PDB file of N, CA and C in Angstrom:
ATOM      1  N   UNK A   1      -6.440 107.425  -3.647  1.00  0.00           N
ATOM      2  CA  UNK A   1      -6.177 107.833  -5.017  1.00  0.00           C
ATOM      3  C   UNK A   1      -7.513 107.982  -5.754  1.00  0.00           C
ATOM      4  N   UNK A   2      -7.482 108.775  -6.787  1.00  0.00           N
ATOM      5  CA  UNK A   2      -8.720 109.047  -7.508  1.00  0.00           C
ATOM      6  C   UNK A   2      -9.055 107.935  -8.497  1.00  0.00           C
ATOM      7  N   UNK A   3     -10.312 107.927  -8.892  1.00  0.00           N
ATOM      8  CA  UNK A   3     -10.773 106.923  -9.863  1.00  0.00           C
ATOM      9  C   UNK A   3     -10.072 107.110 -11.202  1.00  0.00           C
ATOM     10  N   UNK A   4      -9.799 108.360 -11.563  1.00  0.00           N
ATOM     11  CA  UNK A   4      -9.127 108.633 -12.837  1.00  0.00           C
ATOM     12  C   UNK A   4      -7.753 107.972 -12.877  1.00  0.00           C
ATOM     13  N   UNK A   5      -7.034 108.045 -11.782  1.00  0.00           N
ATOM     14  CA  UNK A   5      -5.713 107.415 -11.703  1.00  0.00           C
ATOM     15  C   UNK A   5      -5.821 105.920 -11.973  1.00  0.00           C
ATOM     16  N   UNK A   6      -6.780 105.256 -11.321  1.00  0.00           N
ATOM     17  CA  UNK A   6      -6.928 103.814 -11.487  1.00  0.00           C
ATOM     18  C   UNK A   6      -7.402 103.443 -12.889  1.00  0.00           C
ATOM     19  N   UNK A   7      -8.195 104.298 -13.502  1.00  0.00           N
ATOM     20  CA  UNK A   7      -8.609 104.055 -14.885  1.00  0.00           C
ATOM     21  C   UNK A   7      -7.399 104.130 -15.806  1.00  0.00           C
ATOM     22  N   UNK A   8      -6.537 105.105 -15.592  1.00  0.00           N
ATOM     23  CA  UNK A   8      -5.326 105.238 -16.407  1.00  0.00           C
ATOM     24  C   UNK A   8      -4.414 104.034 -16.206  1.00  0.00           C
ATOM     25  N   UNK A   9      -4.208 103.638 -14.957  1.00  0.00           N
ATOM     26  CA  UNK A   9      -3.352 102.474 -14.672  1.00  0.00           C
ATOM     27  C   UNK A   9      -3.952 101.203 -15.297  1.00  0.00           C
ATOM     28  N   UNK A  10      -5.250 101.017 -15.135  1.00  0.00           N
ATOM     29  CA  UNK A  10      -5.912  99.846 -15.722  1.00  0.00           C
ATOM     30  C   UNK A  10      -5.798  99.827 -17.238  1.00  0.00           C
ATOM     31  N   UNK A  11      -6.001 100.986 -17.855  1.00  0.00           N
ATOM     32  CA  UNK A  11      -5.859 101.072 -19.319  1.00  0.00           C
ATOM     33  C   UNK A  11      -4.445 100.761 -19.768  1.00  0.00           C
ATOM     34  N   UNK A  12      -3.461 101.240 -19.015  1.00  0.00           N
ATOM     35  CA  UNK A  12      -2.057 100.969 -19.355  1.00  0.00           C
ATOM     36  C   UNK A  12      -1.751  99.477 -19.251  1.00  0.00           C
ATOM     37  N   UNK A  13      -2.255  98.847 -18.204  1.00  0.00           N
ATOM     38  CA  UNK A  13      -2.014  97.405 -18.023  1.00  0.00           C
ATOM     39  C   UNK A  13      -2.667  96.603 -19.138  1.00  0.00           C
ATOM     40  N   UNK A  14      -3.911  96.916 -19.459  1.00  0.00           N
ATOM     41  CA  UNK A  14      -4.615  96.195 -20.526  1.00  0.00           C
ATOM     42  C   UNK A  14      -3.915  96.412 -21.866  1.00  0.00           C
ATOM     43  N   UNK A  15      -3.481  97.635 -22.129  1.00  0.00           N
ATOM     44  CA  UNK A  15      -2.755  97.915 -23.377  1.00  0.00           C
ATOM     45  C   UNK A  15      -1.467  97.110 -23.438  1.00  0.00           C
ATOM     46  N   UNK A  16      -0.717  97.086 -22.344  1.00  0.00           N
ATOM     47  CA  UNK A  16       0.533  96.327 -22.313  1.00  0.00           C
ATOM     48  C   UNK A  16       0.280  94.839 -22.522  1.00  0.00           C
ATOM     49  N   UNK A  17      -0.716  94.295 -21.835  1.00  0.00           N
ATOM     50  CA  UNK A  17      -1.007  92.867 -21.980  1.00  0.00           C
ATOM     51  C   UNK A  17      -1.452  92.521 -23.401  1.00  0.00           C
ATOM     52  N   UNK A  18      -2.202  93.409 -24.021  1.00  0.00           N
ATOM     53  CA  UNK A  18      -2.629  93.181 -25.402  1.00  0.00           C
ATOM     54  C   UNK A  18      -1.419  93.151 -26.335  1.00  0.00           C
ATOM     55  N   UNK A  19      -0.515  94.098 -26.143  1.00  0.00           N
ATOM     56  CA  UNK A  19       0.655  94.158 -27.020  1.00  0.00           C
ATOM     57  C   UNK A  19       1.576  92.956 -26.804  1.00  0.00           C
ATOM     58  N   UNK A  20       1.864  92.638 -25.553  1.00  0.00           N
ATOM     59  CA  UNK A  20       2.769  91.528 -25.275  1.00  0.00           C
ATOM     60  C   UNK A  20       2.120  90.199 -25.666  1.00  0.00           C
ATOM     61  N   UNK A  21       0.788  90.101 -25.511  1.00  0.00           N
ATOM     62  CA  UNK A  21       0.083  88.884 -25.912  1.00  0.00           C
ATOM     63  C   UNK A  21       0.195  88.626 -27.403  1.00  0.00           C
ATOM     64  N   UNK A  22       0.025  89.680 -28.191  1.00  0.00           N
ATOM     65  CA  UNK A  22       0.182  89.539 -29.641  1.00  0.00           C
ATOM     66  C   UNK A  22       1.593  89.115 -30.014  1.00  0.00           C
ATOM     67  N   UNK A  23       2.569  89.696 -29.343  1.00  0.00           N
ATOM     68  CA  UNK A  23       3.969  89.334 -29.606  1.00  0.00           C
ATOM     69  C   UNK A  23       4.218  87.866 -29.247  1.00  0.00           C
ATOM     70  N   UNK A  24       3.719  87.443 -28.102  1.00  0.00           N
ATOM     71  CA  UNK A  24       3.932  86.052 -27.683  1.00  0.00           C
ATOM     72  C   UNK A  24       3.261  85.067 -28.637  1.00  0.00           C
ATOM     73  N   UNK A  25       2.095  85.404 -29.123  1.00  0.00           N
ATOM     74  CA  UNK A  25       1.396  84.517 -30.064  1.00  0.00           C
ATOM     75  C   UNK A  25       2.161  84.430 -31.380  1.00  0.00           C
ATOM     76  N   UNK A  26       2.588  85.571 -31.904  1.00  0.00           N
ATOM     77  CA  UNK A  26       3.265  85.559 -33.206  1.00  0.00           C
ATOM     78  C   UNK A  26       4.644  84.910 -33.152  1.00  0.00           C
ATOM     79  N   UNK A  27       5.327  84.949 -32.007  1.00  0.00           N
ATOM     80  CA  UNK A  27       6.651  84.324 -31.921  1.00  0.00           C
ATOM     81  C   UNK A  27       6.572  82.801 -31.907  1.00  0.00           C
ATOM     82  N   UNK A  28       5.374  82.249 -31.706  1.00  0.00           N
ATOM     83  CA  UNK A  28       5.220  80.796 -31.713  1.00  0.00           C
ATOM     84  C   UNK A  28       5.228  80.219 -33.128  1.00  0.00           C
ATOM     85  N   UNK A  29       5.083  81.068 -34.133  1.00  0.00           N
ATOM     86  CA  UNK A  29       5.047  80.615 -35.523  1.00  0.00           C
ATOM     87  C   UNK A  29       6.406  80.833 -36.177  1.00  0.00           C
ATOM     88  N   UNK A  30       6.826  79.842 -36.980  1.00  0.00           N
ATOM     89  CA  UNK A  30       8.068  79.988 -37.723  1.00  0.00           C
ATOM     90  C   UNK A  30       7.907  80.965 -38.875  1.00  0.00           C
ATOM     91  N   UNK A  31       6.723  80.957 -39.466  1.00  0.00           N
ATOM     92  CA  UNK A  31       6.465  81.782 -40.637  1.00  0.00           C
ATOM     93  C   UNK A  31       5.057  82.341 -40.533  1.00  0.00           C
ATOM     94  N   UNK A  32       4.904  83.624 -40.834  1.00  0.00           N
ATOM     95  CA  UNK A  32       3.588  84.254 -40.806  1.00  0.00           C
ATOM     96  C   UNK A  32       3.019  84.230 -42.213  1.00  0.00           C
ATOM     97  N   UNK A  33       1.765  83.815 -42.329  1.00  0.00           N
ATOM     98  CA  UNK A  33       1.105  83.756 -43.633  1.00  0.00           C
ATOM     99  C   UNK A  33       1.071  85.163 -44.246  1.00  0.00           C
ATOM    100  N   UNK A  34       1.263  85.277 -45.557  1.00  0.00           N
ATOM    101  CA  UNK A  34       1.263  86.606 -46.196  1.00  0.00           C
ATOM    102  C   UNK A  34      -0.011  87.409 -45.962  1.00  0.00           C
ATOM    103  N   UNK A  35      -1.149  86.747 -45.862  1.00  0.00           N
ATOM    104  CA  UNK A  35      -2.397  87.482 -45.599  1.00  0.00           C
ATOM    105  C   UNK A  35      -2.402  88.072 -44.192  1.00  0.00           C
ATOM    106  N   UNK A  36      -1.890  87.317 -43.243  1.00  0.00           N
ATOM    107  CA  UNK A  36      -1.802  87.828 -41.871  1.00  0.00           C
ATOM    108  C   UNK A  36      -0.842  89.005 -41.831  1.00  0.00           C
ATOM    109  N   UNK A  37       0.294  88.877 -42.511  1.00  0.00           N
ATOM    110  CA  UNK A  37       1.272  89.966 -42.563  1.00  0.00           C
ATOM    111  C   UNK A  37       0.667  91.205 -43.209  1.00  0.00           C
ATOM    112  N   UNK A  38      -0.089  91.024 -44.270  1.00  0.00           N
ATOM    113  CA  UNK A  38      -0.744  92.160 -44.925  1.00  0.00           C
ATOM    114  C   UNK A  38      -1.736  92.834 -43.979  1.00  0.00           C
ATOM    115  N   UNK A  39      -2.470  92.037 -43.229  1.00  0.00           N
ATOM    116  CA  UNK A  39      -3.410  92.592 -42.249  1.00  0.00           C
ATOM    117  C   UNK A  39      -2.694  93.372 -41.163  1.00  0.00           C
ATOM    118  N   UNK A  40      -1.600  92.823 -40.668  1.00  0.00           N
ATOM    119  CA  UNK A  40      -0.820  93.517 -39.633  1.00  0.00           C
ATOM    120  C   UNK A  40      -0.200  94.803 -40.173  1.00  0.00           C
ATOM    121  N   UNK A  41       0.222  94.782 -41.425  1.00  0.00           N
ATOM    122  CA  UNK A  41       0.794  95.987 -42.030  1.00  0.00           C
ATOM    123  C   UNK A  41      -0.251  97.084 -42.214  1.00  0.00           C
ATOM    124  N   UNK A  42      -1.515  96.703 -42.319  1.00  0.00           N
ATOM    125  CA  UNK A  42      -2.588  97.683 -42.521  1.00  0.00           C
ATOM    126  C   UNK A  42      -3.061  98.335 -41.223  1.00  0.00           C
ATOM    127  N   UNK A  43      -2.688  97.798 -40.090  1.00  0.00           N
ATOM    128  CA  UNK A  43      -3.175  98.316 -38.802  1.00  0.00           C
ATOM    129  C   UNK A  43      -2.790  99.776 -38.564  1.00  0.00           C
ATOM    130  N   UNK A  44      -1.535 100.201 -38.752  1.00  0.00           N
ATOM    131  CA  UNK A  44      -1.214 101.610 -38.482  1.00  0.00           C
ATOM    132  C   UNK A  44      -2.049 102.587 -39.316  1.00  0.00           C
ATOM    133  N   UNK A  45      -2.253 102.289 -40.579  1.00  0.00           N
ATOM    134  CA  UNK A  45      -3.061 103.171 -41.431  1.00  0.00           C
ATOM    135  C   UNK A  45      -4.514 103.185 -40.969  1.00  0.00           C
ATOM    136  N   UNK A  46      -5.029 102.043 -40.534  1.00  0.00           N
ATOM    137  CA  UNK A  46      -6.405 101.982 -40.062  1.00  0.00           C
ATOM    138  C   UNK A  46      -6.588 102.785 -38.774  1.00  0.00           C
ATOM    139  N   UNK A  47      -5.635 102.685 -37.864  1.00  0.00           N
ATOM    140  CA  UNK A  47      -5.718 103.442 -36.610  1.00  0.00           C
ATOM    141  C   UNK A  47      -5.623 104.933 -36.890  1.00  0.00           C
ATOM    142  N   UNK A  48      -4.704 105.325 -37.746  1.00  0.00           N
ATOM    143  CA  UNK A  48      -4.559 106.737 -38.093  1.00  0.00           C
ATOM    144  C   UNK A  48      -5.838 107.262 -38.738  1.00  0.00           C
ATOM    145  N   UNK A  49      -6.448 106.466 -39.590  1.00  0.00           N
ATOM    146  CA  UNK A  49      -7.696 106.876 -40.241  1.00  0.00           C
ATOM    147  C   UNK A  49      -8.817 107.066 -39.225  1.00  0.00           C
ATOM    148  N   UNK A  50      -8.921 106.164 -38.252  1.00  0.00           N
ATOM    149  CA  UNK A  50      -9.985 106.305 -37.257  1.00  0.00           C
ATOM    150  C   UNK A  50      -9.782 107.516 -36.363  1.00  0.00           C
ATOM    151  N   UNK A  51      -8.563 107.979 -36.237  1.00  0.00           N
ATOM    152  CA  UNK A  51      -8.308 109.179 -35.438  1.00  0.00           C
ATOM    153  C   UNK A  51      -8.529 110.456 -36.237  1.00  0.00           C
ATOM    154  N   UNK A  52      -8.176 110.446 -37.512  1.00  0.00           N
ATOM    155  CA  UNK A  52      -8.217 111.657 -38.332  1.00  0.00           C
ATOM    156  C   UNK A  52      -9.590 111.880 -38.968  1.00  0.00           C
ATOM    157  N   UNK A  53     -10.225 110.841 -39.450  1.00  0.00           N
ATOM    158  CA  UNK A  53     -11.474 110.994 -40.206  1.00  0.00           C
ATOM    159  C   UNK A  53     -12.561 111.769 -39.462  1.00  0.00           C
ATOM    160  N   UNK A  54     -12.852 111.466 -38.200  1.00  0.00           N
ATOM    161  CA  UNK A  54     -13.904 112.241 -37.522  1.00  0.00           C
ATOM    162  C   UNK A  54     -13.567 113.728 -37.403  1.00  0.00           C
ATOM    163  N   UNK A  55     -12.304 114.040 -37.167  1.00  0.00           N
ATOM    164  CA  UNK A  55     -11.903 115.445 -37.048  1.00  0.00           C
ATOM    165  C   UNK A  55     -12.058 116.175 -38.372  1.00  0.00           C
ATOM    166  N   UNK A  56     -11.769 115.492 -39.457  1.00  0.00           N
ATOM    167  CA  UNK A  56     -11.896 116.127 -40.773  1.00  0.00           C
ATOM    168  C   UNK A  56     -13.369 116.283 -41.146  1.00  0.00           C
ATOM    169  N   UNK A  57     -14.166 115.243 -40.918  1.00  0.00           N
ATOM    170  CA  UNK A  57     -15.583 115.292 -41.289  1.00  0.00           C
ATOM    171  C   UNK A  57     -16.339 116.323 -40.460  1.00  0.00           C
ATOM    172  N   UNK A  58     -16.091 116.347 -39.168  1.00  0.00           N
ATOM    173  CA  UNK A  58     -16.813 117.256 -38.276  1.00  0.00           C
ATOM    174  C   UNK A  58     -16.125 118.604 -38.116  1.00  0.00           C
ATOM    175  N   UNK A  59     -14.939 118.746 -38.664  1.00  0.00           N
ATOM    176  CA  UNK A  59     -14.165 119.971 -38.476  1.00  0.00           C
ATOM    177  C   UNK A  59     -14.574 121.090 -39.411  1.00  0.00           C
ATOM    178  N   UNK A  60     -13.837 122.160 -39.295  1.00  0.00           N
ATOM    179  CA  UNK A  60     -14.076 123.327 -40.127  1.00  0.00           C
ATOM    180  C   UNK A  60     -12.884 123.604 -41.016  1.00  0.00           C
ATOM    181  N   UNK A  61     -12.739 124.836 -41.450  1.00  0.00           N
ATOM    182  CA  UNK A  61     -11.656 125.197 -42.365  1.00  0.00           C
ATOM    183  C   UNK A  61     -10.251 124.894 -41.835  1.00  0.00           C
ATOM    184  N   UNK A  62     -10.050 125.066 -40.537  1.00  0.00           N
ATOM    185  CA  UNK A  62      -8.725 124.778 -39.967  1.00  0.00           C
ATOM    186  C   UNK A  62      -8.362 123.310 -40.136  1.00  0.00           C
ATOM    187  N   UNK A  63      -9.305 122.432 -39.812  1.00  0.00           N
ATOM    188  CA  UNK A  63      -9.050 120.995 -39.916  1.00  0.00           C
ATOM    189  C   UNK A  63      -8.908 120.550 -41.369  1.00  0.00           C
ATOM    190  N   UNK A  64      -9.717 121.117 -42.244  1.00  0.00           N
ATOM    191  CA  UNK A  64      -9.624 120.748 -43.661  1.00  0.00           C
ATOM    192  C   UNK A  64      -8.292 121.179 -44.258  1.00  0.00           C
ATOM    193  N   UNK A  65      -7.860 122.386 -43.928  1.00  0.00           N
ATOM    194  CA  UNK A  65      -6.576 122.877 -44.445  1.00  0.00           C
ATOM    195  C   UNK A  65      -5.421 122.060 -43.870  1.00  0.00           C
ATOM    196  N   UNK A  66      -5.480 121.745 -42.577  1.00  0.00           N
ATOM    197  CA  UNK A  66      -4.426 120.934 -41.970  1.00  0.00           C
ATOM    198  C   UNK A  66      -4.390 119.541 -42.574  1.00  0.00           C
ATOM    199  N   UNK A  67      -5.558 118.993 -42.885  1.00  0.00           N
ATOM    200  CA  UNK A  67      -5.614 117.682 -43.534  1.00  0.00           C
ATOM    201  C   UNK A  67      -4.948 117.739 -44.909  1.00  0.00           C
ATOM    202  N   UNK A  68      -5.240 118.784 -45.666  1.00  0.00           N
ATOM    203  CA  UNK A  68      -4.620 118.940 -46.993  1.00  0.00           C
ATOM    204  C   UNK A  68      -3.102 119.069 -46.869  1.00  0.00           C
ATOM    205  N   UNK A  69      -2.649 119.827 -45.879  1.00  0.00           N
ATOM    206  CA  UNK A  69      -1.202 119.977 -45.653  1.00  0.00           C
ATOM    207  C   UNK A  69      -0.588 118.626 -45.291  1.00  0.00           C
ATOM    208  N   UNK A  70      -1.267 117.867 -44.443  1.00  0.00           N
ATOM    209  CA  UNK A  70      -0.753 116.557 -44.038  1.00  0.00           C
ATOM    210  C   UNK A  70      -0.721 115.581 -45.219  1.00  0.00           C
ATOM    211  N   UNK A  71      -1.719 115.652 -46.086  1.00  0.00           N
ATOM    212  CA  UNK A  71      -1.725 114.776 -47.262  1.00  0.00           C
ATOM    213  C   UNK A  71      -0.535 115.085 -48.169  1.00  0.00           C
ATOM    214  N   UNK A  72      -0.293 116.358 -48.411  1.00  0.00           N
ATOM    215  CA  UNK A  72       0.858 116.749 -49.239  1.00  0.00           C
ATOM    216  C   UNK A  72       2.156 116.315 -48.563  1.00  0.00           C
ATOM    217  N   UNK A  73       2.242 116.516 -47.240  1.00  0.00           N
ATOM    218  CA  UNK A  73       3.440 116.088 -46.513  1.00  0.00           C
ATOM    219  C   UNK A  73       3.600 114.581 -46.575  1.00  0.00           C
ATOM    220  N   UNK A  74       2.479 113.846 -46.524  1.00  0.00           N
ATOM    221  CA  UNK A  74       2.533 112.397 -46.567  1.00  0.00           C
ATOM    222  C   UNK A  74       3.099 111.837 -47.859  1.00  0.00           C
ATOM    223  N   UNK A  75       2.973 112.604 -48.927  1.00  0.00           N
ATOM    224  CA  UNK A  75       3.547 112.179 -50.207  1.00  0.00           C
ATOM    225  C   UNK A  75       5.070 112.309 -50.178  1.00  0.00           C
ATOM    226  N   UNK A  76       5.558 113.231 -49.376  1.00  0.00           N
ATOM    227  CA  UNK A  76       6.985 113.545 -49.382  1.00  0.00           C
ATOM    228  C   UNK A  76       7.778 112.953 -48.218  1.00  0.00           C
ATOM    229  N   UNK A  77       7.123 112.722 -47.075  1.00  0.00           N
ATOM    230  CA  UNK A  77       7.843 112.224 -45.896  1.00  0.00           C
ATOM    231  C   UNK A  77       7.149 110.975 -45.356  1.00  0.00           C
ATOM    232  N   UNK A  78       7.758 110.348 -44.368  1.00  0.00           N
ATOM    233  CA  UNK A  78       7.169 109.136 -43.782  1.00  0.00           C
ATOM    234  C   UNK A  78       6.040 109.497 -42.812  1.00  0.00           C
ATOM    235  N   UNK A  79       5.466 108.488 -42.185  1.00  0.00           N
ATOM    236  CA  UNK A  79       4.249 108.664 -41.398  1.00  0.00           C
ATOM    237  C   UNK A  79       4.423 109.566 -40.178  1.00  0.00           C
ATOM    238  N   UNK A  80       5.443 109.345 -39.386  1.00  0.00           N
ATOM    239  CA  UNK A  80       5.590 110.123 -38.154  1.00  0.00           C
ATOM    240  C   UNK A  80       5.808 111.609 -38.442  1.00  0.00           C
ATOM    241  N   UNK A  81       6.707 111.983 -39.361  1.00  0.00           N
ATOM    242  CA  UNK A  81       6.803 113.412 -39.678  1.00  0.00           C
ATOM    243  C   UNK A  81       5.497 113.981 -40.241  1.00  0.00           C
ATOM    244  N   UNK A  82       4.760 113.182 -41.007  1.00  0.00           N
ATOM    245  CA  UNK A  82       3.481 113.648 -41.543  1.00  0.00           C
ATOM    246  C   UNK A  82       2.503 113.955 -40.420  1.00  0.00           C
ATOM    247  N   UNK A  83       2.434 113.089 -39.417  1.00  0.00           N
ATOM    248  CA  UNK A  83       1.540 113.312 -38.284  1.00  0.00           C
ATOM    249  C   UNK A  83       1.946 114.571 -37.524  1.00  0.00           C
ATOM    250  N   UNK A  84       3.229 114.750 -37.325  1.00  0.00           N
ATOM    251  CA  UNK A  84       3.722 115.945 -36.626  1.00  0.00           C
ATOM    252  C   UNK A  84       3.383 117.203 -37.416  1.00  0.00           C
ATOM    253  N   UNK A  85       3.618 117.179 -38.713  1.00  0.00           N
ATOM    254  CA  UNK A  85       3.299 118.331 -39.569  1.00  0.00           C
ATOM    255  C   UNK A  85       1.805 118.632 -39.515  1.00  0.00           C
ATOM    256  N   UNK A  86       0.978 117.599 -39.596  1.00  0.00           N
ATOM    257  CA  UNK A  86      -0.469 117.798 -39.530  1.00  0.00           C
ATOM    258  C   UNK A  86      -0.917 118.359 -38.191  1.00  0.00           C
ATOM    259  N   UNK A  87      -0.345 117.865 -37.096  1.00  0.00           N
ATOM    260  CA  UNK A  87      -0.714 118.349 -35.767  1.00  0.00           C
ATOM    261  C   UNK A  87      -0.298 119.801 -35.573  1.00  0.00           C
ATOM    262  N   UNK A  88       0.902 120.144 -36.013  1.00  0.00           N
ATOM    263  CA  UNK A  88       1.363 121.530 -35.906  1.00  0.00           C
ATOM    264  C   UNK A  88       0.505 122.427 -36.789  1.00  0.00           C
ATOM    265  N   UNK A  89       0.180 121.949 -37.983  1.00  0.00           N
ATOM    266  CA  UNK A  89      -0.640 122.751 -38.901  1.00  0.00           C
ATOM    267  C   UNK A  89      -2.018 123.025 -38.305  1.00  0.00           C
ATOM    268  N   UNK A  90      -2.665 122.008 -37.733  1.00  0.00           N
ATOM    269  CA  UNK A  90      -4.006 122.242 -37.185  1.00  0.00           C
ATOM    270  C   UNK A  90      -3.935 123.160 -35.969  1.00  0.00           C
ATOM    271  N   UNK A  91      -2.894 123.030 -35.160  1.00  0.00           N
ATOM    272  CA  UNK A  91      -2.761 123.913 -33.992  1.00  0.00           C
ATOM    273  C   UNK A  91      -2.582 125.371 -34.431  1.00  0.00           C
ATOM    274  N   UNK A  92      -1.703 125.583 -35.407  1.00  0.00           N
ATOM    275  CA  UNK A  92      -1.472 126.947 -35.884  1.00  0.00           C
ATOM    276  C   UNK A  92      -2.696 127.514 -36.590  1.00  0.00           C
ATOM    277  N   UNK A  93      -3.336 126.716 -37.426  1.00  0.00           N
ATOM    278  CA  UNK A  93      -4.504 127.182 -38.146  1.00  0.00           C
ATOM    279  C   UNK A  93      -5.673 127.483 -37.208  1.00  0.00           C
ATOM    280  N   UNK A  94      -5.806 126.732 -36.145  1.00  0.00           N
ATOM    281  CA  UNK A  94      -6.866 127.026 -35.176  1.00  0.00           C
ATOM    282  C   UNK A  94      -6.593 128.362 -34.472  1.00  0.00           C
ATOM    283  N   UNK A  95      -5.318 128.674 -34.261  1.00  0.00           N
ATOM    284  CA  UNK A  95      -4.972 129.959 -33.653  1.00  0.00           C
ATOM    285  C   UNK A  95      -5.252 131.111 -34.613  1.00  0.00           C
ATOM    286  N   UNK A  96      -4.943 130.893 -35.880  1.00  0.00           N
ATOM    287  CA  UNK A  96      -5.105 131.961 -36.877  1.00  0.00           C
ATOM    288  C   UNK A  96      -6.562 132.104 -37.318  1.00  0.00           C
ATOM    289  N   UNK A  97      -7.194 130.981 -37.655  1.00  0.00           N
ATOM    290  CA  UNK A  97      -8.562 131.019 -38.192  1.00  0.00           C
ATOM    291  C   UNK A  97      -9.649 130.923 -37.126  1.00  0.00           C
ATOM    292  N   UNK A  98      -9.269 130.469 -35.970  1.00  0.00           N
ATOM    293  CA  UNK A  98     -10.252 130.377 -34.875  1.00  0.00           C
ATOM    294  C   UNK A  98     -10.963 129.088 -34.775  1.00  0.00           C
TER     295      UNK A  98
END
């Protein structure tokens, strides 16, 4: 098998262990401190920001327009539809604008 296959399998295992480890640790507590809960609630927005920000900063008109469309969509819909709208917008705009 190729090295790429083993890298993918290794990454999947490490990702799974990280997720299940966090779950096992948090289930040991009867109550989660509000600050910890606030930190955990901020993780999805932080991950989304780390994925989108470099593309917007280093991108061109297609990425900027798609970002604006996603921001407007984000005001009206939840996170997953906003991400889908933004991804479709950037794909279409890259086809049209180059």
